[in-house]
Amino acid sequence: MGNHLKQFTCSRSFWLLLFFSALLFEGVALYFQYVMNLSPCVMCVYERVALFSIAAAALFGFLAPSWTLWRWLALLAGLGAAVKGLLISLKHVDYQLHPGPWNQCESLPQFPDFLPLDHLFPTLFRPYGVCSDVVWSFLDLSMAQWIAIMFGVYVAIFVVALFMQFFCTKPKRSLFH
C-alpha cells in the first residue's frame, strides 16, 4: 500500500488534483463574495493567500514530480501553507466564538511592502467584512470552521504524502528471484 501511495505522489495526477482542489475552493470563496455578496474579512484574505500558496506548491510539484528533491520541496511548501492556513482559520474561529474588544482582527491586511496584494489584486485580497461576524453557516458550522476543516484535511494529505516518501518504490528482491 505504501508503494502505491508513494507512486501516486510521484505522479502528475496527485499534484493536479491538489492544484484543482485549491482552485475550486478559491472559486467557492469568490462565489460567496461576488454572487452571495458576503464581504471577506482580513482573516478570509489571509486564508485565501494560504490556499493560493497550496495551489502554487501543487503547481511546483506538478512540474517534476519524479524528481525527489523537487517533490520534497513541493510537499514541504504545501505542508507549510496548509499549517499556516489552519492556524489562521483557527484564530478566525476564535474571533467568532469569543468576540470582544480585546479579541479582534485588524481592519487592513498586513502584507509586506514589496508585495501589497490588497493593492495589486483588490478583487481577491481587499477585505470589507468583520472577522467576528458569522455571515454564513452550514450544519451549524460557520464558514471559518469549515475552512479550518479544509486546511486540516490538506495538512493530513501533506503529512501522509511526506510519510509515504520513505517507502521504497522498487520491489525488493527475494532470495528465490
N, C-alpha and C. Protein backbone atom coordinates (compact mmCIF):
# COMPACT_ATOMS: atom_id res chain seq x y z
N MET A 1 0.82 -1.19 0.00
CA MET A 1 0.00 0.00 0.00
C MET A 1 0.87 1.26 0.00
N GLY A 2 1.94 1.23 0.80
CA GLY A 2 2.84 2.38 0.86
C GLY A 2 3.47 2.69 -0.48
N ASN A 3 3.86 1.63 -1.21
CA ASN A 3 4.45 1.85 -2.53
C ASN A 3 3.46 2.50 -3.49
N HIS A 4 2.20 2.09 -3.42
CA HIS A 4 1.19 2.66 -4.31
C HIS A 4 0.94 4.14 -3.99
N LEU A 5 0.90 4.46 -2.70
CA LEU A 5 0.69 5.86 -2.33
C LEU A 5 1.90 6.72 -2.71
N LYS A 6 3.11 6.15 -2.56
CA LYS A 6 4.29 6.93 -2.96
C LYS A 6 4.28 7.13 -4.47
N GLN A 7 3.93 6.09 -5.21
CA GLN A 7 3.88 6.24 -6.66
C GLN A 7 2.84 7.27 -7.07
N PHE A 8 1.74 7.36 -6.32
CA PHE A 8 0.72 8.37 -6.60
C PHE A 8 1.28 9.77 -6.37
N THR A 9 2.08 9.95 -5.31
CA THR A 9 2.68 11.27 -5.07
C THR A 9 3.73 11.60 -6.11
N CYS A 10 4.25 10.60 -6.79
CA CYS A 10 5.24 10.82 -7.86
C CYS A 10 4.57 11.05 -9.20
N SER A 11 3.25 11.01 -9.23
CA SER A 11 2.54 11.20 -10.49
C SER A 11 2.02 12.63 -10.61
N ARG A 12 1.84 13.05 -11.81
CA ARG A 12 1.28 14.38 -12.04
C ARG A 12 -0.19 14.45 -11.61
N SER A 13 -0.88 13.33 -11.59
CA SER A 13 -2.29 13.30 -11.19
C SER A 13 -2.48 13.79 -9.76
N PHE A 14 -1.61 13.38 -8.85
CA PHE A 14 -1.70 13.80 -7.46
C PHE A 14 -1.59 15.32 -7.36
N TRP A 15 -0.61 15.87 -8.03
CA TRP A 15 -0.36 17.31 -7.95
C TRP A 15 -1.46 18.10 -8.65
N LEU A 16 -1.95 17.56 -9.76
CA LEU A 16 -3.05 18.22 -10.47
C LEU A 16 -4.32 18.22 -9.63
N LEU A 17 -4.57 17.13 -8.94
CA LEU A 17 -5.73 17.04 -8.05
C LEU A 17 -5.63 18.07 -6.93
N LEU A 18 -4.46 18.20 -6.33
CA LEU A 18 -4.25 19.22 -5.30
C LEU A 18 -4.45 20.62 -5.86
N PHE A 19 -3.89 20.87 -7.02
CA PHE A 19 -3.99 22.19 -7.64
C PHE A 19 -5.44 22.56 -7.93
N PHE A 20 -6.18 21.65 -8.56
CA PHE A 20 -7.56 21.95 -8.91
C PHE A 20 -8.47 22.01 -7.69
N SER A 21 -8.16 21.25 -6.65
CA SER A 21 -8.97 21.35 -5.44
C SER A 21 -8.79 22.73 -4.79
N ALA A 22 -7.55 23.24 -4.77
CA ALA A 22 -7.31 24.58 -4.22
C ALA A 22 -8.00 25.64 -5.07
N LEU A 23 -7.94 25.50 -6.38
CA LEU A 23 -8.63 26.46 -7.26
C LEU A 23 -10.14 26.37 -7.09
N LEU A 24 -10.65 25.18 -6.87
CA LEU A 24 -12.09 25.01 -6.64
C LEU A 24 -12.51 25.76 -5.37
N PHE A 25 -11.74 25.61 -4.31
CA PHE A 25 -12.06 26.32 -3.07
C PHE A 25 -11.94 27.83 -3.24
N GLU A 26 -10.97 28.28 -4.03
CA GLU A 26 -10.87 29.71 -4.32
C GLU A 26 -12.10 30.19 -5.10
N GLY A 27 -12.55 29.36 -6.02
CA GLY A 27 -13.75 29.70 -6.77
C GLY A 27 -14.98 29.78 -5.89
N VAL A 28 -15.07 28.88 -4.91
CA VAL A 28 -16.18 28.93 -3.96
C VAL A 28 -16.12 30.22 -3.15
N ALA A 29 -14.92 30.62 -2.74
CA ALA A 29 -14.77 31.87 -1.99
C ALA A 29 -15.22 33.06 -2.83
N LEU A 30 -14.87 33.07 -4.10
CA LEU A 30 -15.29 34.17 -4.97
C LEU A 30 -16.80 34.13 -5.21
N TYR A 31 -17.38 32.95 -5.25
CA TYR A 31 -18.83 32.83 -5.37
C TYR A 31 -19.51 33.46 -4.15
N PHE A 32 -19.00 33.12 -2.97
CA PHE A 32 -19.57 33.71 -1.75
C PHE A 32 -19.44 35.23 -1.76
N GLN A 33 -18.30 35.72 -2.27
CA GLN A 33 -18.07 37.16 -2.25
C GLN A 33 -18.90 37.89 -3.30
N TYR A 34 -18.89 37.43 -4.53
CA TYR A 34 -19.48 38.20 -5.62
C TYR A 34 -20.90 37.80 -5.99
N VAL A 35 -21.32 36.58 -5.69
CA VAL A 35 -22.68 36.16 -6.01
C VAL A 35 -23.58 36.28 -4.78
N MET A 36 -23.08 35.82 -3.64
CA MET A 36 -23.87 35.89 -2.41
C MET A 36 -23.65 37.19 -1.64
N ASN A 37 -22.76 38.04 -2.14
CA ASN A 37 -22.46 39.36 -1.54
C ASN A 37 -22.03 39.27 -0.08
N LEU A 38 -21.20 38.28 0.25
CA LEU A 38 -20.63 38.16 1.58
C LEU A 38 -19.25 38.81 1.56
N SER A 39 -19.05 39.79 2.39
CA SER A 39 -17.79 40.55 2.39
C SER A 39 -16.69 39.77 3.11
N PRO A 40 -15.54 39.62 2.48
CA PRO A 40 -14.43 38.92 3.15
C PRO A 40 -13.78 39.82 4.20
N CYS A 41 -13.34 39.21 5.27
CA CYS A 41 -12.64 39.95 6.31
C CYS A 41 -11.13 39.75 6.12
N VAL A 42 -10.35 40.33 6.99
CA VAL A 42 -8.89 40.22 6.90
C VAL A 42 -8.45 38.77 7.02
N MET A 43 -9.05 38.03 7.93
CA MET A 43 -8.67 36.62 8.09
C MET A 43 -9.05 35.82 6.86
N CYS A 44 -10.18 36.15 6.23
CA CYS A 44 -10.57 35.49 4.98
C CYS A 44 -9.51 35.72 3.90
N VAL A 45 -9.00 36.94 3.86
CA VAL A 45 -7.97 37.28 2.88
C VAL A 45 -6.70 36.48 3.15
N TYR A 46 -6.31 36.38 4.41
CA TYR A 46 -5.12 35.59 4.76
C TYR A 46 -5.33 34.11 4.42
N GLU A 47 -6.55 33.62 4.64
CA GLU A 47 -6.85 32.22 4.29
C GLU A 47 -6.76 32.01 2.78
N ARG A 48 -7.18 33.01 2.02
CA ARG A 48 -7.04 32.93 0.56
C ARG A 48 -5.57 32.85 0.14
N VAL A 49 -4.75 33.64 0.79
CA VAL A 49 -3.31 33.61 0.47
C VAL A 49 -2.75 32.22 0.76
N ALA A 50 -3.13 31.63 1.89
CA ALA A 50 -2.65 30.29 2.22
C ALA A 50 -3.13 29.27 1.19
N LEU A 51 -4.37 29.41 0.73
CA LEU A 51 -4.90 28.49 -0.26
C LEU A 51 -4.21 28.67 -1.61
N PHE A 52 -3.94 29.91 -2.00
CA PHE A 52 -3.17 30.13 -3.22
C PHE A 52 -1.76 29.57 -3.08
N SER A 53 -1.19 29.59 -1.88
CA SER A 53 0.13 29.02 -1.65
C SER A 53 0.11 27.51 -1.82
N ILE A 54 -0.96 26.86 -1.39
CA ILE A 54 -1.11 25.42 -1.62
C ILE A 54 -1.19 25.14 -3.12
N ALA A 55 -1.95 25.96 -3.84
CA ALA A 55 -2.06 25.79 -5.29
C ALA A 55 -0.70 25.99 -5.96
N ALA A 56 0.08 26.97 -5.49
CA ALA A 56 1.40 27.21 -6.06
C ALA A 56 2.34 26.04 -5.77
N ALA A 57 2.27 25.48 -4.57
CA ALA A 57 3.10 24.31 -4.23
C ALA A 57 2.70 23.12 -5.10
N ALA A 58 1.40 22.96 -5.33
CA ALA A 58 0.93 21.86 -6.19
C ALA A 58 1.40 22.05 -7.62
N LEU A 59 1.37 23.27 -8.09
CA LEU A 59 1.86 23.55 -9.44
C LEU A 59 3.36 23.28 -9.53
N PHE A 60 4.08 23.65 -8.49
CA PHE A 60 5.52 23.38 -8.42
C PHE A 60 5.78 21.87 -8.46
N GLY A 61 5.01 21.11 -7.69
CA GLY A 61 5.17 19.66 -7.69
C GLY A 61 4.76 19.02 -9.01
N PHE A 62 3.80 19.62 -9.68
CA PHE A 62 3.34 19.11 -10.97
C PHE A 62 4.43 19.18 -12.04
N LEU A 63 5.32 20.15 -11.94
CA LEU A 63 6.34 20.35 -12.97
C LEU A 63 7.30 19.18 -13.08
N ALA A 64 7.71 18.59 -11.96
CA ALA A 64 8.65 17.47 -12.00
C ALA A 64 8.42 16.56 -10.79
N PRO A 65 7.31 15.83 -10.76
CA PRO A 65 7.00 15.03 -9.58
C PRO A 65 7.94 13.84 -9.38
N SER A 66 8.63 13.40 -10.40
CA SER A 66 9.51 12.25 -10.24
C SER A 66 10.88 12.63 -9.67
N TRP A 67 11.22 13.90 -9.65
CA TRP A 67 12.48 14.33 -9.04
C TRP A 67 12.30 14.40 -7.54
N THR A 68 13.10 13.66 -6.83
CA THR A 68 12.93 13.53 -5.39
C THR A 68 13.03 14.86 -4.67
N LEU A 69 14.07 15.63 -4.91
CA LEU A 69 14.24 16.91 -4.23
C LEU A 69 13.10 17.88 -4.55
N TRP A 70 12.71 17.93 -5.81
CA TRP A 70 11.63 18.81 -6.25
C TRP A 70 10.33 18.44 -5.54
N ARG A 71 10.05 17.12 -5.48
CA ARG A 71 8.83 16.63 -4.84
C ARG A 71 8.85 16.95 -3.35
N TRP A 72 9.99 16.77 -2.70
CA TRP A 72 10.10 17.09 -1.27
C TRP A 72 9.88 18.58 -1.03
N LEU A 73 10.46 19.42 -1.87
CA LEU A 73 10.27 20.86 -1.71
C LEU A 73 8.80 21.24 -1.87
N ALA A 74 8.15 20.65 -2.86
CA ALA A 74 6.73 20.94 -3.08
C ALA A 74 5.88 20.44 -1.90
N LEU A 75 6.19 19.26 -1.39
CA LEU A 75 5.44 18.72 -0.26
C LEU A 75 5.64 19.58 0.99
N LEU A 76 6.87 19.99 1.25
CA LEU A 76 7.14 20.82 2.42
C LEU A 76 6.51 22.20 2.30
N ALA A 77 6.55 22.77 1.09
CA ALA A 77 5.91 24.08 0.87
C ALA A 77 4.40 23.96 1.04
N GLY A 78 3.82 22.92 0.49
CA GLY A 78 2.38 22.70 0.64
C GLY A 78 1.99 22.47 2.09
N LEU A 79 2.80 21.69 2.82
CA LEU A 79 2.52 21.46 4.23
C LEU A 79 2.62 22.75 5.03
N GLY A 80 3.65 23.55 4.73
CA GLY A 80 3.79 24.83 5.43
C GLY A 80 2.60 25.74 5.18
N ALA A 81 2.14 25.81 3.95
CA ALA A 81 0.98 26.65 3.62
C ALA A 81 -0.29 26.11 4.29
N ALA A 82 -0.44 24.79 4.32
CA ALA A 82 -1.63 24.20 4.94
C ALA A 82 -1.63 24.42 6.45
N VAL A 83 -0.47 24.29 7.08
CA VAL A 83 -0.40 24.52 8.53
C VAL A 83 -0.68 25.99 8.83
N LYS A 84 -0.09 26.89 8.05
CA LYS A 84 -0.34 28.32 8.26
C LYS A 84 -1.82 28.64 8.05
N GLY A 85 -2.42 28.07 7.02
CA GLY A 85 -3.84 28.27 6.78
C GLY A 85 -4.69 27.73 7.92
N LEU A 86 -4.30 26.58 8.46
CA LEU A 86 -5.03 26.01 9.60
C LEU A 86 -4.93 26.92 10.81
N LEU A 87 -3.75 27.43 11.10
CA LEU A 87 -3.57 28.33 12.25
C LEU A 87 -4.37 29.62 12.09
N ILE A 88 -4.36 30.17 10.87
CA ILE A 88 -5.13 31.39 10.60
C ILE A 88 -6.62 31.12 10.78
N SER A 89 -7.10 30.01 10.23
CA SER A 89 -8.53 29.72 10.32
C SER A 89 -8.95 29.42 11.76
N LEU A 90 -8.08 28.81 12.55
CA LEU A 90 -8.41 28.58 13.96
C LEU A 90 -8.48 29.91 14.72
N LYS A 91 -7.61 30.84 14.39
CA LYS A 91 -7.68 32.17 15.00
C LYS A 91 -8.97 32.87 14.58
N HIS A 92 -9.36 32.68 13.33
CA HIS A 92 -10.60 33.25 12.81
C HIS A 92 -11.80 32.68 13.58
N VAL A 93 -11.79 31.38 13.82
CA VAL A 93 -12.85 30.75 14.61
C VAL A 93 -12.87 31.33 16.02
N ASP A 94 -11.69 31.57 16.59
CA ASP A 94 -11.60 32.17 17.92
C ASP A 94 -12.23 33.56 17.93
N TYR A 95 -11.99 34.35 16.90
CA TYR A 95 -12.61 35.67 16.81
C TYR A 95 -14.13 35.57 16.80
N GLN A 96 -14.65 34.53 16.13
CA GLN A 96 -16.10 34.38 16.03
C GLN A 96 -16.71 33.82 17.31
N LEU A 97 -16.01 32.91 17.97
CA LEU A 97 -16.57 32.30 19.17
C LEU A 97 -16.41 33.17 20.41
N HIS A 98 -15.37 34.00 20.42
CA HIS A 98 -15.09 34.84 21.59
C HIS A 98 -14.89 36.29 21.16
N PRO A 99 -15.94 36.92 20.62
CA PRO A 99 -15.77 38.31 20.18
C PRO A 99 -15.64 39.25 21.39
N GLY A 100 -14.91 40.28 21.19
CA GLY A 100 -14.75 41.27 22.26
C GLY A 100 -13.75 42.32 21.83
N PRO A 101 -13.68 43.40 22.57
CA PRO A 101 -12.76 44.47 22.19
C PRO A 101 -11.29 44.05 22.27
N TRP A 102 -10.98 43.05 23.05
CA TRP A 102 -9.60 42.58 23.18
C TRP A 102 -9.27 41.47 22.19
N ASN A 103 -10.27 40.97 21.49
CA ASN A 103 -10.07 39.84 20.58
C ASN A 103 -10.66 40.20 19.22
N GLN A 104 -9.95 41.04 18.48
CA GLN A 104 -10.41 41.48 17.16
C GLN A 104 -9.25 41.42 16.18
N CYS A 105 -9.61 41.24 14.92
CA CYS A 105 -8.58 41.30 13.89
C CYS A 105 -8.42 42.75 13.42
N GLU A 106 -7.32 43.01 12.76
CA GLU A 106 -7.10 44.36 12.24
C GLU A 106 -8.04 44.62 11.07
N SER A 107 -8.20 45.87 10.71
CA SER A 107 -9.14 46.21 9.64
C SER A 107 -8.50 46.14 8.26
N LEU A 108 -7.18 46.25 8.20
CA LEU A 108 -6.46 46.16 6.93
C LEU A 108 -5.43 45.04 6.99
N PRO A 109 -5.24 44.32 5.90
CA PRO A 109 -4.24 43.25 5.92
C PRO A 109 -2.82 43.81 6.01
N GLN A 110 -1.96 43.05 6.62
CA GLN A 110 -0.56 43.44 6.80
C GLN A 110 0.31 42.63 5.83
N PHE A 111 0.37 43.07 4.59
CA PHE A 111 1.22 42.42 3.60
C PHE A 111 2.56 43.14 3.55
N PRO A 112 3.61 42.45 3.12
CA PRO A 112 4.91 43.12 3.02
C PRO A 112 4.86 44.25 1.98
N ASP A 113 5.71 45.24 2.17
CA ASP A 113 5.74 46.39 1.27
C ASP A 113 6.05 46.00 -0.17
N PHE A 114 6.85 44.96 -0.35
CA PHE A 114 7.22 44.55 -1.70
C PHE A 114 6.14 43.73 -2.38
N LEU A 115 5.09 43.33 -1.65
CA LEU A 115 4.01 42.54 -2.23
C LEU A 115 2.66 42.91 -1.60
N PRO A 116 2.18 44.13 -1.85
CA PRO A 116 0.89 44.55 -1.27
C PRO A 116 -0.27 43.96 -2.06
N LEU A 117 -0.61 42.72 -1.77
CA LEU A 117 -1.62 42.01 -2.53
C LEU A 117 -2.97 42.73 -2.54
N ASP A 118 -3.31 43.40 -1.45
CA ASP A 118 -4.60 44.09 -1.42
C ASP A 118 -4.64 45.28 -2.37
N HIS A 119 -3.49 45.81 -2.76
CA HIS A 119 -3.45 46.90 -3.75
C HIS A 119 -3.24 46.36 -5.16
N LEU A 120 -2.48 45.27 -5.27
CA LEU A 120 -2.22 44.69 -6.60
C LEU A 120 -3.45 43.95 -7.14
N PHE A 121 -4.13 43.21 -6.28
CA PHE A 121 -5.30 42.41 -6.68
C PHE A 121 -6.46 42.67 -5.72
N PRO A 122 -7.05 43.87 -5.77
CA PRO A 122 -8.09 44.21 -4.79
C PRO A 122 -9.34 43.32 -4.88
N THR A 123 -9.63 42.79 -6.06
CA THR A 123 -10.82 41.93 -6.17
C THR A 123 -10.67 40.63 -5.38
N LEU A 124 -9.44 40.21 -5.15
CA LEU A 124 -9.19 38.98 -4.41
C LEU A 124 -8.81 39.22 -2.96
N PHE A 125 -8.07 40.29 -2.69
CA PHE A 125 -7.43 40.43 -1.39
C PHE A 125 -7.79 41.70 -0.61
N ARG A 126 -8.81 42.43 -1.00
CA ARG A 126 -9.21 43.61 -0.23
C ARG A 126 -10.35 43.21 0.70
N PRO A 127 -10.15 43.34 2.01
CA PRO A 127 -11.21 42.95 2.96
C PRO A 127 -12.22 44.06 3.19
N TYR A 128 -13.46 43.66 3.41
CA TYR A 128 -14.54 44.61 3.71
C TYR A 128 -15.32 44.19 4.94
N GLY A 129 -15.22 42.94 5.34
CA GLY A 129 -16.04 42.41 6.42
C GLY A 129 -15.36 42.49 7.77
N VAL A 130 -16.08 42.02 8.77
CA VAL A 130 -15.61 41.98 10.15
C VAL A 130 -15.37 40.51 10.52
N CYS A 131 -14.22 40.24 11.11
CA CYS A 131 -13.83 38.86 11.40
C CYS A 131 -14.76 38.14 12.37
N SER A 132 -15.32 38.85 13.32
CA SER A 132 -16.14 38.19 14.33
C SER A 132 -17.58 37.91 13.86
N ASP A 133 -17.97 38.46 12.73
CA ASP A 133 -19.32 38.23 12.21
C ASP A 133 -19.43 36.84 11.58
N VAL A 134 -20.47 36.12 11.93
CA VAL A 134 -20.77 34.85 11.28
C VAL A 134 -21.83 35.15 10.23
N VAL A 135 -21.41 35.20 8.98
CA VAL A 135 -22.32 35.61 7.91
C VAL A 135 -22.92 34.43 7.16
N TRP A 136 -22.40 33.23 7.38
CA TRP A 136 -22.89 32.05 6.69
C TRP A 136 -22.58 30.84 7.55
N SER A 137 -23.48 29.87 7.57
CA SER A 137 -23.21 28.62 8.28
C SER A 137 -23.91 27.48 7.56
N PHE A 138 -23.39 26.30 7.77
CA PHE A 138 -23.94 25.09 7.19
C PHE A 138 -23.73 23.97 8.20
N LEU A 139 -24.78 23.25 8.53
CA LEU A 139 -24.74 22.19 9.55
C LEU A 139 -24.21 22.72 10.88
N ASP A 140 -24.63 23.90 11.24
CA ASP A 140 -24.25 24.57 12.48
C ASP A 140 -22.76 24.87 12.60
N LEU A 141 -22.05 24.88 11.49
CA LEU A 141 -20.64 25.28 11.48
C LEU A 141 -20.51 26.54 10.63
N SER A 142 -19.75 27.49 11.12
CA SER A 142 -19.54 28.72 10.37
C SER A 142 -18.57 28.46 9.22
N MET A 143 -18.49 29.44 8.33
CA MET A 143 -17.56 29.31 7.22
C MET A 143 -16.12 29.16 7.71
N ALA A 144 -15.76 29.90 8.76
CA ALA A 144 -14.41 29.79 9.30
C ALA A 144 -14.13 28.38 9.84
N GLN A 145 -15.13 27.77 10.43
CA GLN A 145 -14.95 26.39 10.91
C GLN A 145 -14.80 25.41 9.77
N TRP A 146 -15.57 25.61 8.69
CA TRP A 146 -15.41 24.75 7.51
C TRP A 146 -14.03 24.94 6.88
N ILE A 147 -13.55 26.17 6.88
CA ILE A 147 -12.22 26.44 6.33
C ILE A 147 -11.15 25.76 7.19
N ALA A 148 -11.33 25.76 8.51
CA ALA A 148 -10.39 25.06 9.38
C ALA A 148 -10.38 23.56 9.08
N ILE A 149 -11.56 23.00 8.83
CA ILE A 149 -11.64 21.58 8.45
C ILE A 149 -10.91 21.35 7.14
N MET A 150 -11.15 22.24 6.17
CA MET A 150 -10.50 22.11 4.86
C MET A 150 -8.98 22.12 5.00
N PHE A 151 -8.45 23.09 5.76
CA PHE A 151 -7.00 23.14 5.94
C PHE A 151 -6.50 21.94 6.73
N GLY A 152 -7.29 21.44 7.67
CA GLY A 152 -6.92 20.24 8.40
C GLY A 152 -6.78 19.04 7.48
N VAL A 153 -7.68 18.94 6.50
CA VAL A 153 -7.59 17.85 5.51
C VAL A 153 -6.34 18.02 4.66
N TYR A 154 -6.04 19.25 4.25
CA TYR A 154 -4.81 19.48 3.48
C TYR A 154 -3.57 19.12 4.30
N VAL A 155 -3.56 19.47 5.58
CA VAL A 155 -2.42 19.10 6.44
C VAL A 155 -2.28 17.59 6.47
N ALA A 156 -3.38 16.87 6.66
CA ALA A 156 -3.33 15.41 6.71
C ALA A 156 -2.83 14.83 5.39
N ILE A 157 -3.28 15.37 4.27
CA ILE A 157 -2.83 14.89 2.96
C ILE A 157 -1.32 15.07 2.81
N PHE A 158 -0.83 16.25 3.16
CA PHE A 158 0.61 16.50 3.01
C PHE A 158 1.44 15.68 3.99
N VAL A 159 0.95 15.47 5.21
CA VAL A 159 1.68 14.64 6.18
C VAL A 159 1.75 13.20 5.68
N VAL A 160 0.64 12.65 5.22
CA VAL A 160 0.64 11.28 4.69
C VAL A 160 1.55 11.19 3.46
N ALA A 161 1.48 12.18 2.58
CA ALA A 161 2.34 12.16 1.38
C ALA A 161 3.81 12.23 1.76
N LEU A 162 4.14 13.04 2.75
CA LEU A 162 5.54 13.10 3.21
C LEU A 162 5.97 11.77 3.83
N PHE A 163 5.12 11.18 4.63
CA PHE A 163 5.43 9.89 5.24
C PHE A 163 5.64 8.83 4.18
N MET A 164 4.86 8.87 3.11
CA MET A 164 4.97 7.87 2.05
C MET A 164 6.29 7.98 1.28
N GLN A 165 6.97 9.09 1.39
CA GLN A 165 8.24 9.25 0.67
C GLN A 165 9.32 8.32 1.21
N PHE A 166 9.12 7.77 2.40
CA PHE A 166 10.11 6.87 2.99
C PHE A 166 9.93 5.43 2.54
N PHE A 167 8.88 5.16 1.77
CA PHE A 167 8.67 3.82 1.26
C PHE A 167 9.46 3.63 -0.03
N CYS A 168 9.90 2.42 -0.24
CA CYS A 168 10.65 2.09 -1.44
C CYS A 168 9.67 1.90 -2.59
N THR A 169 10.02 2.41 -3.77
CA THR A 169 9.13 2.25 -4.91
C THR A 169 9.47 1.02 -5.74
N LYS A 170 10.67 0.50 -5.60
CA LYS A 170 11.06 -0.70 -6.34
C LYS A 170 10.79 -1.92 -5.47
N PRO A 171 10.24 -2.98 -6.05
CA PRO A 171 10.02 -4.17 -5.24
C PRO A 171 11.35 -4.78 -4.80
N LYS A 172 11.38 -5.24 -3.56
CA LYS A 172 12.61 -5.85 -3.04
C LYS A 172 12.76 -7.24 -3.64
N ARG A 173 14.00 -7.59 -3.91
CA ARG A 173 14.26 -8.91 -4.48
C ARG A 173 14.25 -9.95 -3.37
N SER A 174 13.60 -11.03 -3.63
CA SER A 174 13.59 -12.11 -2.63
C SER A 174 14.73 -13.07 -2.92
N LEU A 175 14.92 -13.98 -2.03
CA LEU A 175 16.01 -14.95 -2.13
C LEU A 175 15.82 -15.87 -3.34
N PHE A 176 14.58 -16.12 -3.73
CA PHE A 176 14.30 -17.08 -4.80
C PHE A 176 14.02 -16.42 -6.13
N HIS A 177 14.24 -15.15 -6.28
CA HIS A 177 14.01 -14.47 -7.55
C HIS A 177 15.24 -14.41 -8.37
